[in-house]
């Protein structure tokens, strides 16, 4: 299993003293660990070895966590094709995993292996040392078999880091006693426009999951979000533009892959290196981003305006409810999608949290389509991370059935 699942297995993985002693992690190879190959699943970074630890790795290490190794991943974290993080967890190789959540990948992976996945509020966990693709919409996601472990990990990694200029500088959520939060979630919203995108089986499974929430005492309110059907388009346009900009640094000059073909000059070397460095999926994403940057910038401006409008609309909805529920996965995609269109459809129910930078948690055992667990996803308002984990602590006791 190790040869298929891991790109690197740490020969000296051992627990140290600290609050996470006895807990093990796997990571993806786009997260910097000093001395480890950090190739992010891409030829562009072939042979690159990290020279220092990412902030989250540094903090986990100081807290006593054992770093097992790095798993395989899709190129630069776009989608889930080829990713083996879920296999490491389901195979008992680790207690938890750190996984880039750019489109909902951590939550979808968690739903497929019937466990818990968490995406924090953007800006409360440092991205320093993460080889990113879409900076404004990606973060470190956590997958764990036990909800309490997510709280322990967040207590360790959620704090200000002056090396990440995108960090939130205000008071952070407190994860030390999430089960005793003073403001528990009691009211959960259901977006009408989301229900309209579900097929018959997904709708039936989701409503059965909602019935279980009712039994647990949660009030359910119907909501409207008119722009829900274009969230994917907003993510696609903004994401591809950011990706095109982010990948400009892979030029074969300082690190990573450089073409071995004959070249006439530096510009020729750059062009041939770039052509060899990326796979077809990433290339198509970067080409689209370049198009919106240089040929149709108005589309990018419109997507940005809609994103701002969505922020205002969701602020209004969170005045009516404490959180909003969605299924996590789609029935059609129980194997990883391979095209951009399929990836966006596969992640269509998880994209909203990334576009808005909101916290979201995946809970297993409630939204069941036969033997398939589609997952229940709860999205909270900005900085309501501890409240979401408090909900999970309660619901997890009955997730196998009410």
Protein backbone atom coordinates (compact mmCIF):
# COMPACT_ATOMS: atom_id res chain seq x y z
CA UNK A 1 0.00 0.00 0.00
CA UNK A 2 2.74 2.47 0.92
CA UNK A 3 4.27 2.49 -2.56
CA UNK A 4 0.91 3.32 -4.11
CA UNK A 5 -0.28 5.84 -1.53
CA UNK A 6 2.83 7.77 -0.49
CA UNK A 7 5.23 9.91 -2.46
CA UNK A 8 7.42 10.04 0.65
CA UNK A 9 7.33 8.04 3.88
CA UNK A 10 9.03 9.68 6.87
CA UNK A 11 11.50 7.16 8.36
CA UNK A 12 11.69 9.09 11.64
CA UNK A 13 7.99 9.77 12.27
CA UNK A 14 7.63 9.80 16.03
CA UNK A 15 5.49 11.61 18.55
CA UNK A 16 7.01 14.35 20.69
CA UNK A 17 5.70 15.91 23.88
CA UNK A 18 2.76 18.26 23.44
CA UNK A 19 -1.03 18.45 23.12
CA UNK A 20 -0.93 16.39 19.90
CA UNK A 21 1.32 13.64 21.23
CA UNK A 22 0.12 10.32 19.89
CA UNK A 23 -1.59 11.91 16.88
CA UNK A 24 -0.27 11.32 13.37
CA UNK A 25 -0.69 13.31 10.16
CA UNK A 26 -0.17 12.79 6.47
CA UNK A 27 0.18 15.79 4.20
CA UNK A 28 0.17 16.51 0.50
CA UNK A 29 3.47 17.23 -1.30
CA UNK A 30 2.53 20.87 -1.86
CA UNK A 31 3.15 21.57 1.84
CA UNK A 32 6.72 22.43 2.72
CA UNK A 33 8.63 20.21 5.14
CA UNK A 34 12.35 20.91 5.34
CA UNK A 35 14.24 18.24 3.41
CA UNK A 36 11.18 16.59 1.88
CA UNK A 37 10.45 16.51 -1.85
CA UNK A 38 7.73 19.08 -2.44
CA UNK A 39 6.71 18.61 -6.05
CA UNK A 40 2.93 19.28 -5.75
CA UNK A 41 2.17 16.52 -8.23
CA UNK A 42 3.62 18.57 -11.08
CA UNK A 43 6.55 18.23 -13.47
CA UNK A 44 7.02 21.99 -12.98
CA UNK A 45 8.44 21.29 -9.49
CA UNK A 46 10.26 18.07 -10.28
CA UNK A 47 13.15 17.58 -7.87
CA UNK A 48 12.23 20.53 -5.64
CA UNK A 49 13.10 19.97 -1.97
CA UNK A 50 11.67 22.32 0.63
CA UNK A 51 14.23 24.46 2.44
CA UNK A 52 12.02 25.26 5.46
CA UNK A 53 8.83 24.14 7.15
CA UNK A 54 5.43 25.60 6.38
CA UNK A 55 4.00 27.42 9.40
CA UNK A 56 1.36 24.74 10.00
CA UNK A 57 4.01 21.99 9.88
CA UNK A 58 6.18 23.90 12.31
CA UNK A 59 3.28 24.31 14.74
CA UNK A 60 2.13 20.69 14.48
CA UNK A 61 5.66 19.50 15.10
CA UNK A 62 6.01 21.67 18.21
CA UNK A 63 2.65 20.34 19.46
CA UNK A 64 3.97 16.77 19.33
CA UNK A 65 2.30 15.46 16.17
CA UNK A 66 4.01 12.69 14.18
CA UNK A 67 4.35 13.44 10.46
CA UNK A 68 3.92 10.12 8.63
CA UNK A 69 4.67 11.27 5.11
CA UNK A 70 3.18 12.83 1.99
CA UNK A 71 0.51 11.27 -0.21
CA UNK A 72 -0.06 11.50 -3.93
CA UNK A 73 -2.09 14.42 -5.20
CA UNK A 74 -3.62 15.88 -8.33
CA UNK A 75 -1.43 18.38 -10.14
CA UNK A 76 -1.18 21.52 -8.01
CA UNK A 77 -4.29 20.41 -6.10
CA UNK A 78 -6.81 20.92 -8.92
CA UNK A 79 -9.50 18.29 -8.35
CA UNK A 80 -8.98 14.81 -6.92
CA UNK A 81 -7.72 12.65 -9.79
CA UNK A 82 -4.79 10.58 -8.53
CA UNK A 83 -5.10 11.83 -4.94
CA UNK A 84 -4.48 9.15 -2.28
CA UNK A 85 -5.08 11.12 0.92
CA UNK A 86 -8.34 9.30 1.58
CA UNK A 87 -6.64 5.93 1.11
CA UNK A 88 -4.05 6.79 3.76
CA UNK A 89 -6.81 7.55 6.26
CA UNK A 90 -9.14 4.69 5.40
CA UNK A 91 -6.18 2.30 5.40
CA UNK A 92 -5.28 3.20 8.98
CA UNK A 93 -1.96 4.83 8.08
CA UNK A 94 -2.74 8.04 9.99
CA UNK A 95 -5.13 9.73 12.40
CA UNK A 96 -5.51 12.93 10.39
CA UNK A 97 -4.62 14.50 7.08
CA UNK A 98 -3.84 18.02 5.92
CA UNK A 99 -5.23 18.53 2.44
CA UNK A 100 -5.56 21.60 0.25
CA UNK A 101 -9.19 22.65 0.00
CA UNK A 102 -9.52 24.85 -3.08
CA UNK A 103 -12.85 23.63 -4.45
CA UNK A 104 -13.99 21.42 -1.59
CA UNK A 105 -11.49 18.59 -2.12
CA UNK A 106 -10.91 17.91 1.59
CA UNK A 107 -14.64 17.73 2.34
CA UNK A 108 -15.41 15.53 -0.67
CA UNK A 109 -12.56 13.18 0.21
CA UNK A 110 -13.88 12.94 3.76
CA UNK A 111 -17.39 12.13 2.53
CA UNK A 112 -16.10 9.31 0.31
CA UNK A 113 -14.38 7.57 3.20
CA UNK A 114 -17.29 8.30 5.56
CA UNK A 115 -15.42 10.53 7.95
CA UNK A 116 -15.09 14.18 9.02
CA UNK A 117 -13.62 17.03 6.99
CA UNK A 118 -13.18 20.68 7.91
CA UNK A 119 -12.41 23.84 5.98
CA UNK A 120 -11.62 26.81 8.28
CA UNK A 121 -12.45 30.46 7.72
CA UNK A 122 -9.98 31.93 5.24
CA UNK A 123 -7.23 33.84 6.99
CA UNK A 124 -7.16 32.09 10.38
CA UNK A 125 -4.61 29.44 9.34
CA UNK A 126 -1.35 30.57 7.78
CA UNK A 127 -0.75 29.59 4.16
CA UNK A 128 2.99 30.26 4.44
CA UNK A 129 4.78 27.27 2.94
CA UNK A 130 1.82 26.08 0.87
CA UNK A 131 2.46 25.78 -2.86
CA UNK A 132 -0.83 27.29 -3.92
CA UNK A 133 -2.76 27.68 -7.12
CA UNK A 134 -5.75 29.92 -6.25
CA UNK A 135 -4.67 32.01 -3.24
CA UNK A 136 -7.97 33.70 -2.42
CA UNK A 137 -9.99 30.47 -2.41
CA UNK A 138 -7.72 27.76 -1.01
CA UNK A 139 -6.69 26.82 2.51
CA UNK A 140 -5.48 23.90 4.61
CA UNK A 141 -8.34 21.46 5.14
CA UNK A 142 -8.33 18.83 7.88
CA UNK A 143 -9.70 15.29 7.61
CA UNK A 144 -10.02 13.13 10.73
CA UNK A 145 -11.80 10.00 11.89
CA UNK A 146 -12.67 11.63 15.24
CA UNK A 147 -14.24 15.12 15.41
CA UNK A 148 -12.31 16.01 18.56
CA UNK A 149 -9.05 15.64 16.65
CA UNK A 150 -10.07 18.44 14.29
CA UNK A 151 -10.55 20.78 17.25
CA UNK A 152 -7.16 19.78 18.68
CA UNK A 153 -5.47 20.45 15.34
CA UNK A 154 -7.23 23.79 14.87
CA UNK A 155 -6.27 24.89 18.37
CA UNK A 156 -2.65 24.30 17.32
CA UNK A 157 -2.55 25.83 13.86
CA UNK A 158 -5.08 28.71 14.00
CA UNK A 159 -3.14 31.79 15.07
CA UNK A 160 -1.61 34.85 13.47
CA UNK A 161 1.52 34.54 11.33
CA UNK A 162 3.20 37.71 10.06
CA UNK A 163 4.76 35.78 7.17
CA UNK A 164 1.32 35.43 5.57
CA UNK A 165 0.01 38.85 4.58
CA UNK A 166 -3.51 37.52 3.94
CA UNK A 167 -4.07 36.55 7.58
CA UNK A 168 -6.88 37.83 9.76
CA UNK A 169 -5.37 39.98 12.52
CA UNK A 170 -8.33 40.10 14.91
CA UNK A 171 -9.41 37.75 17.67
CA UNK A 172 -9.32 34.13 16.58
CA UNK A 173 -12.06 31.57 17.31
CA UNK A 174 -11.37 29.52 20.45
CA UNK A 175 -11.08 25.79 19.85
CA UNK A 176 -10.11 24.73 23.39
CA UNK A 177 -13.67 23.94 24.53
CA UNK A 178 -15.86 23.79 21.44
CA UNK A 179 -18.44 21.59 23.19
CA UNK A 180 -19.13 24.42 25.64
CA UNK A 181 -19.58 27.24 23.14
CA UNK A 182 -21.75 30.07 24.46
CA UNK A 183 -23.53 30.42 21.09
CA UNK A 184 -24.48 26.96 19.83
CA UNK A 185 -25.95 26.53 16.38
CA UNK A 186 -29.70 25.99 16.66
CA UNK A 187 -31.13 27.11 13.30
CA UNK A 188 -30.00 25.71 9.94
CA UNK A 189 -30.97 27.11 6.55
CA UNK A 190 -31.74 25.23 3.34
CA UNK A 191 -31.15 27.12 0.08
CA UNK A 192 -34.00 26.57 -2.37
CA UNK A 193 -31.78 27.07 -5.40
CA UNK A 194 -29.45 24.32 -4.16
CA UNK A 195 -32.32 21.83 -3.89
CA UNK A 196 -33.21 22.55 -7.52
CA UNK A 197 -29.77 21.28 -8.65
CA UNK A 198 -30.14 17.88 -6.94
CA UNK A 199 -31.38 14.78 -8.73
CA UNK A 200 -34.11 12.61 -7.25
CA UNK A 201 -31.80 10.32 -5.30
CA UNK A 202 -29.72 13.20 -3.95
CA UNK A 203 -32.86 15.07 -2.90
CA UNK A 204 -34.28 12.05 -1.10
CA UNK A 205 -31.01 11.36 0.73
CA UNK A 206 -30.59 15.02 1.70
CA UNK A 207 -34.13 15.34 3.04
CA UNK A 208 -33.67 12.19 5.10
CA UNK A 209 -30.54 13.76 6.59
CA UNK A 210 -32.45 16.95 7.36
CA UNK A 211 -35.13 14.89 9.12
CA UNK A 212 -32.43 13.52 11.39
CA UNK A 213 -31.32 17.05 12.22
CA UNK A 214 -34.91 17.88 13.17
CA UNK A 215 -34.99 14.91 15.54
CA UNK A 216 -31.86 16.31 17.18
CA UNK A 217 -33.70 19.57 17.82
CA UNK A 218 -32.36 21.79 15.04
CA UNK A 219 -34.82 24.21 13.44
CA UNK A 220 -34.76 24.30 9.63
CA UNK A 221 -35.56 27.42 7.59
CA UNK A 222 -35.96 27.77 3.83
CA UNK A 223 -33.75 30.42 2.22
CA UNK A 224 -33.23 31.96 -1.21
CA UNK A 225 -29.85 32.74 -2.82
CA UNK A 226 -30.58 33.81 -6.42
CA UNK A 227 -26.91 33.73 -7.48
CA UNK A 228 -26.31 30.15 -6.29
CA UNK A 229 -26.42 28.74 -9.81
CA UNK A 230 -23.49 30.92 -10.94
CA UNK A 231 -21.17 30.28 -7.98
CA UNK A 232 -19.29 27.76 -10.12
CA UNK A 233 -18.81 30.29 -12.90
CA UNK A 234 -17.53 32.88 -10.42
CA UNK A 235 -15.03 30.38 -8.99
CA UNK A 236 -13.98 29.22 -12.46
CA UNK A 237 -13.24 32.71 -13.79
CA UNK A 238 -11.52 34.10 -10.69
CA UNK A 239 -9.76 30.81 -9.97
CA UNK A 240 -8.32 30.43 -13.46
CA UNK A 241 -7.03 34.02 -13.44
CA UNK A 242 -5.35 33.55 -10.07
CA UNK A 243 -3.91 30.21 -11.24
CA UNK A 244 -2.49 31.76 -14.38
CA UNK A 245 -0.80 34.42 -12.28
CA UNK A 246 0.42 31.95 -9.63
CA UNK A 247 2.05 29.66 -12.19
CA UNK A 248 4.05 32.44 -13.84
CA UNK A 249 6.96 31.69 -11.50
CA UNK A 250 7.52 28.20 -12.91
CA UNK A 251 10.02 29.25 -15.53
CA UNK A 252 12.81 26.69 -15.12
CA UNK A 253 15.30 29.31 -13.98
CA UNK A 254 15.64 28.94 -10.21
CA UNK A 255 14.11 25.56 -9.37
CA UNK A 256 11.99 22.75 -10.72
CA UNK A 257 11.91 21.35 -14.23
CA UNK A 258 13.98 22.83 -17.07
CA UNK A 259 13.70 21.52 -20.61
CA UNK A 260 16.48 19.28 -21.91
CA UNK A 261 15.65 20.20 -25.51
CA UNK A 262 17.98 22.38 -27.55
CA UNK A 263 17.19 26.06 -27.06
CA UNK A 264 18.19 29.20 -28.92
CA UNK A 265 17.92 31.68 -26.06
CA UNK A 266 16.37 32.24 -22.62
CA UNK A 267 12.94 32.97 -24.08
CA UNK A 268 13.00 29.72 -26.07
CA UNK A 269 14.04 27.83 -22.92
CA UNK A 270 11.19 29.42 -21.00
CA UNK A 271 8.57 28.51 -23.63
CA UNK A 272 9.72 24.89 -23.97
CA UNK A 273 10.02 24.46 -20.21
CA UNK A 274 6.49 25.74 -19.67
CA UNK A 275 5.17 23.44 -22.40
CA UNK A 276 6.71 20.41 -20.67
CA UNK A 277 5.93 21.43 -17.10
CA UNK A 278 2.14 21.10 -16.93
CA UNK A 279 -0.40 18.43 -17.71
CA UNK A 280 -3.39 19.00 -20.00
CA UNK A 281 -5.85 19.79 -17.19
CA UNK A 282 -3.70 22.51 -15.64
CA UNK A 283 -2.79 23.87 -19.06
CA UNK A 284 -6.43 24.32 -20.00
CA UNK A 285 -7.07 26.09 -16.69
CA UNK A 286 -4.11 28.41 -17.21
CA UNK A 287 -5.11 29.16 -20.82
CA UNK A 288 -8.58 30.11 -19.64
CA UNK A 289 -7.10 32.36 -16.95
CA UNK A 290 -4.87 34.08 -19.51
CA UNK A 291 -7.91 34.63 -21.73
CA UNK A 292 -9.82 36.36 -18.93
CA UNK A 293 -6.74 38.40 -18.03
CA UNK A 294 -5.87 39.66 -21.49
CA UNK A 295 -8.83 39.13 -23.83
CA UNK A 296 -11.97 39.32 -21.68
CA UNK A 297 -11.09 41.19 -18.52
CA UNK A 298 -14.67 42.40 -18.22
CA UNK A 299 -15.72 38.84 -17.36
CA UNK A 300 -13.23 38.81 -14.47
CA UNK A 301 -14.53 42.17 -13.24
CA UNK A 302 -18.12 40.91 -13.39
CA UNK A 303 -17.20 37.74 -11.51
CA UNK A 304 -15.54 39.84 -8.82
CA UNK A 305 -18.63 42.05 -8.52
CA UNK A 306 -20.89 39.00 -8.20
CA UNK A 307 -18.57 37.62 -5.54
CA UNK A 308 -18.96 40.85 -3.56
CA UNK A 309 -22.72 40.65 -3.98
CA UNK A 310 -22.70 37.07 -2.71
CA UNK A 311 -20.85 38.22 0.40
CA UNK A 312 -23.59 40.74 1.13
CA UNK A 313 -26.37 38.24 0.35
CA UNK A 314 -24.90 35.61 2.66
CA UNK A 315 -24.40 38.17 5.43
CA UNK A 316 -28.14 38.75 5.18
CA UNK A 317 -28.95 35.04 5.29
CA UNK A 318 -26.79 34.52 8.37
CA UNK A 319 -28.96 37.05 10.18
CA UNK A 320 -31.84 34.59 9.75
CA UNK A 321 -30.03 31.30 10.49
CA UNK A 322 -26.90 30.14 12.29
CA UNK A 323 -25.65 27.90 9.48
CA UNK A 324 -26.60 26.52 6.06
CA UNK A 325 -26.77 22.84 5.05
CA UNK A 326 -25.88 21.17 1.75
CA UNK A 327 -25.03 17.65 0.65
CA UNK A 328 -21.26 17.29 0.25
CA UNK A 329 -20.94 15.00 -2.76
CA UNK A 330 -22.74 14.03 -5.93
CA UNK A 331 -24.04 10.55 -6.77
CA UNK A 332 -22.46 10.65 -10.23
CA UNK A 333 -18.95 11.31 -8.91
CA UNK A 334 -17.84 8.59 -6.57
CA UNK A 335 -14.61 8.44 -8.55
CA UNK A 336 -12.52 11.53 -9.21
CA UNK A 337 -13.51 13.67 -12.19
CA UNK A 338 -10.87 14.22 -14.88
CA UNK A 339 -12.08 17.20 -16.93
CA UNK A 340 -12.57 20.80 -15.81
CA UNK A 341 -16.30 20.66 -16.47
CA UNK A 342 -16.67 17.46 -14.48
CA UNK A 343 -14.51 18.78 -11.64
CA UNK A 344 -16.69 21.85 -11.32
CA UNK A 345 -19.83 19.72 -11.34
CA UNK A 346 -18.30 17.30 -8.83
CA UNK A 347 -17.52 20.22 -6.50
CA UNK A 348 -20.63 22.28 -7.24
CA UNK A 349 -22.02 21.86 -3.71
CA UNK A 350 -18.75 22.74 -1.94
CA UNK A 351 -17.59 25.73 -4.01
CA UNK A 352 -19.62 28.34 -2.12
CA UNK A 353 -17.52 28.09 1.05
CA UNK A 354 -14.31 28.58 -0.97
CA UNK A 355 -15.59 31.53 -2.98
CA UNK A 356 -16.80 33.22 0.23
CA UNK A 357 -13.90 32.13 2.50
CA UNK A 358 -16.36 30.63 4.99
CA UNK A 359 -15.89 27.71 7.39
CA UNK A 360 -17.49 24.42 6.42
CA UNK A 361 -17.62 20.96 7.96
CA UNK A 362 -18.47 17.57 6.45
CA UNK A 363 -20.37 15.10 8.66
CA UNK A 364 -20.79 11.42 7.71
CA UNK A 365 -23.68 9.06 8.33
CA UNK A 366 -26.66 11.35 7.73
CA UNK A 367 -27.15 11.82 3.96
CA UNK A 368 -27.32 8.25 2.68
CA UNK A 369 -28.24 7.07 -0.80
CA UNK A 370 -28.39 3.33 -0.25
CA UNK A 371 -24.88 2.32 0.75
CA UNK A 372 -23.41 5.57 -0.58
CA UNK A 373 -22.77 8.36 1.92
CA UNK A 374 -23.10 11.68 0.10
CA UNK A 375 -22.14 13.56 3.26
CA UNK A 376 -23.78 16.44 5.08
CA UNK A 377 -21.99 19.76 4.71
CA UNK A 378 -22.68 22.60 7.14
CA UNK A 379 -21.41 26.10 6.25
CA UNK A 380 -21.18 28.81 8.88
CA UNK A 381 -20.67 32.55 8.90
CA UNK A 382 -17.17 33.99 8.97
CA UNK A 383 -15.25 33.05 12.15
CA UNK A 384 -17.97 30.66 13.35
CA UNK A 385 -15.51 27.76 13.14
CA UNK A 386 -15.79 26.74 16.79
CA UNK A 387 -19.60 26.80 16.61
CA UNK A 388 -19.51 24.44 13.62
CA UNK A 389 -17.22 22.02 15.44
CA UNK A 390 -19.52 22.19 18.45
CA UNK A 391 -22.38 21.08 16.20
CA UNK A 392 -20.25 18.20 14.90
CA UNK A 393 -19.44 17.12 18.44
CA UNK A 394 -23.15 16.80 19.14
CA UNK A 395 -24.27 15.31 15.83
CA UNK A 396 -21.41 12.78 15.68
CA UNK A 397 -22.87 10.89 18.62
CA UNK A 398 -25.92 10.02 16.51
CA UNK A 399 -24.58 10.19 12.94
CA UNK A 400 -24.86 6.43 12.54
CA UNK A 401 -28.60 6.70 12.98
CA UNK A 402 -31.23 8.38 15.10
